[in-house]
Amino acid sequence: MFSKLVNFWVNKAVTESLLNSPKFHQFAAKTHHHVNNISKNAAPMISESTNRAAIFAKAFKETVIKESEALSKKK
């Protein structure tokens, strides 16, 4: 019980000190900006990769069907 109280007060003190820190706010703003840029730049690549994966899956399925038909004809 005592450790929970200590943990609560330490967390509260750290949180309040970060809220009052201009450097922390600058860091948070820069990080937010960088994450947004990365997300914006990654969206087209993710879309292209999704399309390529769909094309591959379709081709793979067609190949498996053709190969299974060829094997069944040999028997």
PDB file of N, CA and C in Angstrom:
ATOM      1  N   MET A   1       0.825  -1.191   0.000  1.00  0.00           N
ATOM      2  CA  MET A   1       0.000   0.000   0.000  1.00  0.00           C
ATOM      3  C   MET A   1       0.870   1.256   0.000  1.00  0.00           C
ATOM      4  N   PHE A   2       1.929   1.236   0.820  1.00  0.00           N
ATOM      5  CA  PHE A   2       2.822   2.387   0.901  1.00  0.00           C
ATOM      6  C   PHE A   2       3.509   2.628  -0.440  1.00  0.00           C
ATOM      7  N   SER A   3       3.926   1.543  -1.104  1.00  0.00           N
ATOM      8  CA  SER A   3       4.612   1.699  -2.390  1.00  0.00           C
ATOM      9  C   SER A   3       3.676   2.285  -3.448  1.00  0.00           C
ATOM     10  N   LYS A   4       2.393   1.951  -3.387  1.00  0.00           N
ATOM     11  CA  LYS A   4       1.431   2.524  -4.333  1.00  0.00           C
ATOM     12  C   LYS A   4       1.286   4.024  -4.123  1.00  0.00           C
ATOM     13  N   LEU A   5       1.269   4.443  -2.865  1.00  0.00           N
ATOM     14  CA  LEU A   5       1.173   5.875  -2.570  1.00  0.00           C
ATOM     15  C   LEU A   5       2.415   6.620  -3.048  1.00  0.00           C
ATOM     16  N   VAL A   6       3.576   6.044  -2.778  1.00  0.00           N
ATOM     17  CA  VAL A   6       4.825   6.672  -3.225  1.00  0.00           C
ATOM     18  C   VAL A   6       4.843   6.752  -4.744  1.00  0.00           C
ATOM     19  N   ASN A   7       4.455   5.667  -5.395  1.00  0.00           N
ATOM     20  CA  ASN A   7       4.419   5.644  -6.856  1.00  0.00           C
ATOM     21  C   ASN A   7       3.468   6.713  -7.395  1.00  0.00           C
ATOM     22  N   PHE A   8       2.307   6.858  -6.787  1.00  0.00           N
ATOM     23  CA  PHE A   8       1.340   7.861  -7.208  1.00  0.00           C
ATOM     24  C   PHE A   8       1.926   9.262  -7.106  1.00  0.00           C
ATOM     25  N   TRP A   9       2.541   9.585  -5.971  1.00  0.00           N
ATOM     26  CA  TRP A   9       3.077  10.933  -5.767  1.00  0.00           C
ATOM     27  C   TRP A   9       4.276  11.210  -6.666  1.00  0.00           C
ATOM     28  N   VAL A  10       5.100  10.216  -6.897  1.00  0.00           N
ATOM     29  CA  VAL A  10       6.240  10.408  -7.807  1.00  0.00           C
ATOM     30  C   VAL A  10       5.728  10.645  -9.223  1.00  0.00           C
ATOM     31  N   ASN A  11       4.771   9.839  -9.658  1.00  0.00           N
ATOM     32  CA  ASN A  11       4.203  10.034 -10.996  1.00  0.00           C
ATOM     33  C   ASN A  11       3.560  11.410 -11.131  1.00  0.00           C
ATOM     34  N   LYS A  12       2.864  11.836 -10.102  1.00  0.00           N
ATOM     35  CA  LYS A  12       2.219  13.152 -10.134  1.00  0.00           C
ATOM     36  C   LYS A  12       3.269  14.260 -10.225  1.00  0.00           C
ATOM     37  N   ALA A  13       4.334  14.147  -9.446  1.00  0.00           N
ATOM     38  CA  ALA A  13       5.386  15.168  -9.460  1.00  0.00           C
ATOM     39  C   ALA A  13       6.075  15.228 -10.821  1.00  0.00           C
ATOM     40  N   VAL A  14       6.377  14.072 -11.388  1.00  0.00           N
ATOM     41  CA  VAL A  14       7.034  14.038 -12.702  1.00  0.00           C
ATOM     42  C   VAL A  14       6.113  14.620 -13.763  1.00  0.00           C
ATOM     43  N   THR A  15       4.855  14.233 -13.750  1.00  0.00           N
ATOM     44  CA  THR A  15       3.896  14.728 -14.732  1.00  0.00           C
ATOM     45  C   THR A  15       3.744  16.240 -14.642  1.00  0.00           C
ATOM     46  N   GLU A  16       3.612  16.755 -13.441  1.00  0.00           N
ATOM     47  CA  GLU A  16       3.455  18.204 -13.277  1.00  0.00           C
ATOM     48  C   GLU A  16       4.711  18.955 -13.693  1.00  0.00           C
ATOM     49  N   SER A  17       5.885  18.400 -13.400  1.00  0.00           N
ATOM     50  CA  SER A  17       7.115  19.089 -13.809  1.00  0.00           C
ATOM     51  C   SER A  17       7.247  19.095 -15.329  1.00  0.00           C
ATOM     52  N   LEU A  18       6.822  18.015 -15.995  1.00  0.00           N
ATOM     53  CA  LEU A  18       6.860  17.996 -17.458  1.00  0.00           C
ATOM     54  C   LEU A  18       5.842  18.967 -18.048  1.00  0.00           C
ATOM     55  N   LEU A  19       4.683  19.070 -17.434  1.00  0.00           N
ATOM     56  CA  LEU A  19       3.668  20.005 -17.923  1.00  0.00           C
ATOM     57  C   LEU A  19       4.134  21.451 -17.830  1.00  0.00           C
ATOM     58  N   ASN A  20       4.965  21.750 -16.863  1.00  0.00           N
ATOM     59  CA  ASN A  20       5.449  23.117 -16.666  1.00  0.00           C
ATOM     60  C   ASN A  20       6.744  23.399 -17.418  1.00  0.00           C
ATOM     61  N   SER A  21       7.268  22.434 -18.142  1.00  0.00           N
ATOM     62  CA  SER A  21       8.557  22.592 -18.808  1.00  0.00           C
ATOM     63  C   SER A  21       8.385  23.030 -20.264  1.00  0.00           C
ATOM     64  N   PRO A  22       8.897  24.218 -20.629  1.00  0.00           N
ATOM     65  CA  PRO A  22       8.811  24.653 -22.026  1.00  0.00           C
ATOM     66  C   PRO A  22       9.622  23.753 -22.959  1.00  0.00           C
ATOM     67  N   LYS A  23      10.750  23.241 -22.488  1.00  0.00           N
ATOM     68  CA  LYS A  23      11.575  22.348 -23.313  1.00  0.00           C
ATOM     69  C   LYS A  23      10.806  21.070 -23.656  1.00  0.00           C
ATOM     70  N   PHE A  24      10.066  20.555 -22.684  1.00  0.00           N
ATOM     71  CA  PHE A  24       9.279  19.350 -22.951  1.00  0.00           C
ATOM     72  C   PHE A  24       8.205  19.637 -23.992  1.00  0.00           C
ATOM     73  N   HIS A  25       7.586  20.809 -23.922  1.00  0.00           N
ATOM     74  CA  HIS A  25       6.564  21.167 -24.906  1.00  0.00           C
ATOM     75  C   HIS A  25       7.175  21.298 -26.300  1.00  0.00           C
ATOM     76  N   GLN A  26       8.387  21.867 -26.390  1.00  0.00           N
ATOM     77  CA  GLN A  26       9.075  21.951 -27.679  1.00  0.00           C
ATOM     78  C   GLN A  26       9.372  20.555 -28.215  1.00  0.00           C
ATOM     79  N   PHE A  27       9.876  19.691 -27.340  1.00  0.00           N
ATOM     80  CA  PHE A  27      10.171  18.321 -27.727  1.00  0.00           C
ATOM     81  C   PHE A  27       8.910  17.614 -28.223  1.00  0.00           C
ATOM     82  N   ALA A  28       7.813  17.778 -27.515  1.00  0.00           N
ATOM     83  CA  ALA A  28       6.552  17.129 -27.897  1.00  0.00           C
ATOM     84  C   ALA A  28       6.057  17.659 -29.240  1.00  0.00           C
ATOM     85  N   ALA A  29       6.173  18.961 -29.464  1.00  0.00           N
ATOM     86  CA  ALA A  29       5.721  19.551 -30.726  1.00  0.00           C
ATOM     87  C   ALA A  29       6.571  19.054 -31.892  1.00  0.00           C
ATOM     88  N   LYS A  30       7.894  19.010 -31.709  1.00  0.00           N
ATOM     89  CA  LYS A  30       8.777  18.511 -32.773  1.00  0.00           C
ATOM     90  C   LYS A  30       8.500  17.041 -33.063  1.00  0.00           C
ATOM     91  N   THR A  31       8.315  16.259 -32.025  1.00  0.00           N
ATOM     92  CA  THR A  31       8.029  14.839 -32.209  1.00  0.00           C
ATOM     93  C   THR A  31       6.715  14.655 -32.951  1.00  0.00           C
ATOM     94  N   HIS A  32       5.707  15.420 -32.580  1.00  0.00           N
ATOM     95  CA  HIS A  32       4.403  15.348 -33.253  1.00  0.00           C
ATOM     96  C   HIS A  32       4.555  15.694 -34.734  1.00  0.00           C
ATOM     97  N   HIS A  33       5.328  16.736 -35.029  1.00  0.00           N
ATOM     98  CA  HIS A  33       5.552  17.155 -36.411  1.00  0.00           C
ATOM     99  C   HIS A  33       6.243  16.043 -37.202  1.00  0.00           C
ATOM    100  N   HIS A  34       7.287  15.439 -36.631  1.00  0.00           N
ATOM    101  CA  HIS A  34       8.021  14.375 -37.325  1.00  0.00           C
ATOM    102  C   HIS A  34       7.144  13.141 -37.555  1.00  0.00           C
ATOM    103  N   VAL A  35       6.363  12.769 -36.578  1.00  0.00           N
ATOM    104  CA  VAL A  35       5.483  11.601 -36.723  1.00  0.00           C
ATOM    105  C   VAL A  35       4.435  11.859 -37.804  1.00  0.00           C
ATOM    106  N   ASN A  36       3.894  13.063 -37.852  1.00  0.00           N
ATOM    107  CA  ASN A  36       2.918  13.396 -38.896  1.00  0.00           C
ATOM    108  C   ASN A  36       3.549  13.329 -40.281  1.00  0.00           C
ATOM    109  N   ASN A  37       4.774  13.847 -40.425  1.00  0.00           N
ATOM    110  CA  ASN A  37       5.459  13.793 -41.720  1.00  0.00           C
ATOM    111  C   ASN A  37       5.723  12.357 -42.146  1.00  0.00           C
ATOM    112  N   ILE A  38       6.170  11.540 -41.211  1.00  0.00           N
ATOM    113  CA  ILE A  38       6.442  10.138 -41.531  1.00  0.00           C
ATOM    114  C   ILE A  38       5.155   9.436 -41.945  1.00  0.00           C
ATOM    115  N   SER A  39       4.090   9.680 -41.222  1.00  0.00           N
ATOM    116  CA  SER A  39       2.803   9.054 -41.551  1.00  0.00           C
ATOM    117  C   SER A  39       2.310   9.495 -42.924  1.00  0.00           C
ATOM    118  N   LYS A  40       2.445  10.787 -43.215  1.00  0.00           N
ATOM    119  CA  LYS A  40       1.984  11.318 -44.494  1.00  0.00           C
ATOM    120  C   LYS A  40       2.801  10.732 -45.646  1.00  0.00           C
ATOM    121  N   ASN A  41       4.118  10.593 -45.454  1.00  0.00           N
ATOM    122  CA  ASN A  41       4.975  10.061 -46.505  1.00  0.00           C
ATOM    123  C   ASN A  41       4.830   8.551 -46.660  1.00  0.00           C
ATOM    124  N   ALA A  42       4.446   7.868 -45.616  1.00  0.00           N
ATOM    125  CA  ALA A  42       4.333   6.410 -45.669  1.00  0.00           C
ATOM    126  C   ALA A  42       3.022   5.947 -46.291  1.00  0.00           C
ATOM    127  N   ALA A  43       2.003   6.767 -46.276  1.00  0.00           N
ATOM    128  CA  ALA A  43       0.683   6.356 -46.772  1.00  0.00           C
ATOM    129  C   ALA A  43       0.719   5.868 -48.225  1.00  0.00           C
ATOM    130  N   PRO A  44       1.365   6.582 -49.159  1.00  0.00           N
ATOM    131  CA  PRO A  44       1.408   6.065 -50.539  1.00  0.00           C
ATOM    132  C   PRO A  44       2.180   4.748 -50.644  1.00  0.00           C
ATOM    133  N   MET A  45       3.246   4.612 -49.875  1.00  0.00           N
ATOM    134  CA  MET A  45       4.022   3.373 -49.916  1.00  0.00           C
ATOM    135  C   MET A  45       3.209   2.199 -49.384  1.00  0.00           C
ATOM    136  N   ILE A  46       2.438   2.444 -48.348  1.00  0.00           N
ATOM    137  CA  ILE A  46       1.598   1.383 -47.786  1.00  0.00           C
ATOM    138  C   ILE A  46       0.539   0.974 -48.799  1.00  0.00           C
ATOM    139  N   SER A  47      -0.047   1.951 -49.463  1.00  0.00           N
ATOM    140  CA  SER A  47      -1.068   1.662 -50.474  1.00  0.00           C
ATOM    141  C   SER A  47      -0.476   0.851 -51.619  1.00  0.00           C
ATOM    142  N   GLU A  48       0.697   1.248 -52.086  1.00  0.00           N
ATOM    143  CA  GLU A  48       1.356   0.520 -53.175  1.00  0.00           C
ATOM    144  C   GLU A  48       1.705  -0.901 -52.748  1.00  0.00           C
ATOM    145  N   SER A  49       2.199  -1.057 -51.535  1.00  0.00           N
ATOM    146  CA  SER A  49       2.539  -2.387 -51.032  1.00  0.00           C
ATOM    147  C   SER A  49       1.301  -3.265 -50.914  1.00  0.00           C
ATOM    148  N   THR A  50       0.199  -2.679 -50.504  1.00  0.00           N
ATOM    149  CA  THR A  50      -1.056  -3.432 -50.410  1.00  0.00           C
ATOM    150  C   THR A  50      -1.495  -3.913 -51.785  1.00  0.00           C
ATOM    151  N   ASN A  51      -1.385  -3.046 -52.778  1.00  0.00           N
ATOM    152  CA  ASN A  51      -1.749  -3.434 -54.143  1.00  0.00           C
ATOM    153  C   ASN A  51      -0.841  -4.544 -54.655  1.00  0.00           C
ATOM    154  N   ARG A  52       0.454  -4.422 -54.410  1.00  0.00           N
ATOM    155  CA  ARG A  52       1.394  -5.458 -54.847  1.00  0.00           C
ATOM    156  C   ARG A  52       1.106  -6.789 -54.158  1.00  0.00           C
ATOM    157  N   ALA A  53       0.778  -6.732 -52.884  1.00  0.00           N
ATOM    158  CA  ALA A  53       0.464  -7.965 -52.155  1.00  0.00           C
ATOM    159  C   ALA A  53      -0.791  -8.616 -52.725  1.00  0.00           C
ATOM    160  N   ALA A  54      -1.782  -7.821 -53.092  1.00  0.00           N
ATOM    161  CA  ALA A  54      -3.008  -8.371 -53.679  1.00  0.00           C
ATOM    162  C   ALA A  54      -2.720  -9.019 -55.028  1.00  0.00           C
ATOM    163  N   ILE A  55      -1.893  -8.379 -55.840  1.00  0.00           N
ATOM    164  CA  ILE A  55      -1.522  -8.944 -57.140  1.00  0.00           C
ATOM    165  C   ILE A  55      -0.762 -10.252 -56.946  1.00  0.00           C
ATOM    166  N   PHE A  56       0.171 -10.261 -56.002  1.00  0.00           N
ATOM    167  CA  PHE A  56       0.932 -11.480 -55.725  1.00  0.00           C
ATOM    168  C   PHE A  56       0.016 -12.598 -55.252  1.00  0.00           C
ATOM    169  N   ALA A  57      -0.904 -12.290 -54.351  1.00  0.00           N
ATOM    170  CA  ALA A  57      -1.814 -13.313 -53.822  1.00  0.00           C
ATOM    171  C   ALA A  57      -2.676 -13.896 -54.940  1.00  0.00           C
ATOM    172  N   LYS A  58      -3.144 -13.046 -55.836  1.00  0.00           N
ATOM    173  CA  LYS A  58      -3.963 -13.521 -56.951  1.00  0.00           C
ATOM    174  C   LYS A  58      -3.145 -14.423 -57.867  1.00  0.00           C
ATOM    175  N   ALA A  59      -1.929 -14.004 -58.214  1.00  0.00           N
ATOM    176  CA  ALA A  59      -1.067 -14.814 -59.076  1.00  0.00           C
ATOM    177  C   ALA A  59      -0.698 -16.129 -58.400  1.00  0.00           C
ATOM    178  N   PHE A  60      -0.421 -16.087 -57.114  1.00  0.00           N
ATOM    179  CA  PHE A  60      -0.073 -17.299 -56.370  1.00  0.00           C
ATOM    180  C   PHE A  60      -1.243 -18.278 -56.369  1.00  0.00           C
ATOM    181  N   LYS A  61      -2.443 -17.766 -56.139  1.00  0.00           N
ATOM    182  CA  LYS A  61      -3.638 -18.612 -56.121  1.00  0.00           C
ATOM    183  C   LYS A  61      -3.848 -19.263 -57.484  1.00  0.00           C
ATOM    184  N   GLU A  62      -3.695 -18.479 -58.555  1.00  0.00           N
ATOM    185  CA  GLU A  62      -3.861 -19.023 -59.900  1.00  0.00           C
ATOM    186  C   GLU A  62      -2.822 -20.097 -60.190  1.00  0.00           C
ATOM    187  N   THR A  63      -1.586 -19.881 -59.765  1.00  0.00           N
ATOM    188  CA  THR A  63      -0.523 -20.860 -59.976  1.00  0.00           C
ATOM    189  C   THR A  63      -0.798 -22.144 -59.208  1.00  0.00           C
ATOM    190  N   VAL A  64      -1.233 -22.018 -57.975  1.00  0.00           N
ATOM    191  CA  VAL A  64      -1.541 -23.206 -57.170  1.00  0.00           C
ATOM    192  C   VAL A  64      -2.673 -24.001 -57.815  1.00  0.00           C
ATOM    193  N   ILE A  65      -3.687 -23.319 -58.307  1.00  0.00           N
ATOM    194  CA  ILE A  65      -4.806 -24.006 -58.965  1.00  0.00           C
ATOM    195  C   ILE A  65      -4.325 -24.728 -60.217  1.00  0.00           C
ATOM    196  N   LYS A  66      -3.519 -24.046 -61.047  1.00  0.00           N
ATOM    197  CA  LYS A  66      -3.003 -24.673 -62.267  1.00  0.00           C
ATOM    198  C   LYS A  66      -2.142 -25.886 -61.941  1.00  0.00           C
ATOM    199  N   GLU A  67      -1.275 -25.761 -60.957  1.00  0.00           N
ATOM    200  CA  GLU A  67      -0.397 -26.872 -60.583  1.00  0.00           C
ATOM    201  C   GLU A  67      -1.190 -28.043 -60.022  1.00  0.00           C
ATOM    202  N   SER A  68      -2.197 -27.760 -59.223  1.00  0.00           N
ATOM    203  CA  SER A  68      -3.003 -28.855 -58.661  1.00  0.00           C
ATOM    204  C   SER A  68      -3.802 -29.557 -59.758  1.00  0.00           C
ATOM    205  N   GLU A  69      -4.284 -28.807 -60.746  1.00  0.00           N
ATOM    206  CA  GLU A  69      -4.983 -29.420 -61.877  1.00  0.00           C
ATOM    207  C   GLU A  69      -4.033 -30.271 -62.702  1.00  0.00           C
ATOM    208  N   ALA A  70      -2.811 -29.779 -62.903  1.00  0.00           N
ATOM    209  CA  ALA A  70      -1.821 -30.546 -63.659  1.00  0.00           C
ATOM    210  C   ALA A  70      -1.461 -31.833 -62.928  1.00  0.00           C
ATOM    211  N   LEU A  71      -1.332 -31.777 -61.618  1.00  0.00           N
ATOM    212  CA  LEU A  71      -1.021 -32.977 -60.841  1.00  0.00           C
ATOM    213  C   LEU A  71      -2.175 -33.975 -60.867  1.00  0.00           C
ATOM    214  N   SER A  72      -3.390 -33.478 -60.804  1.00  0.00           N
ATOM    215  CA  SER A  72      -4.538 -34.392 -60.815  1.00  0.00           C
ATOM    216  C   SER A  72      -4.707 -35.054 -62.183  1.00  0.00           C
ATOM    217  N   LYS A  73      -4.306 -34.402 -63.265  1.00  0.00           N
ATOM    218  CA  LYS A  73      -4.374 -34.993 -64.604  1.00  0.00           C
ATOM    219  C   LYS A  73      -3.342 -36.100 -64.770  1.00  0.00           C
ATOM    220  N   LYS A  74      -2.189 -35.983 -64.102  1.00  0.00           N
ATOM    221  CA  LYS A  74      -1.138 -36.995 -64.195  1.00  0.00           C
ATOM    222  C   LYS A  74      -1.553 -38.296 -63.521  1.00  0.00           C
ATOM    223  N   LYS A  75      -2.397 -38.220 -62.527  1.00  0.00           N
ATOM    224  CA  LYS A  75      -2.792 -39.422 -61.775  1.00  0.00           C
ATOM    225  C   LYS A  75      -3.738 -40.201 -62.550  1.00  0.00           C
TER     226      LYS A  75
END
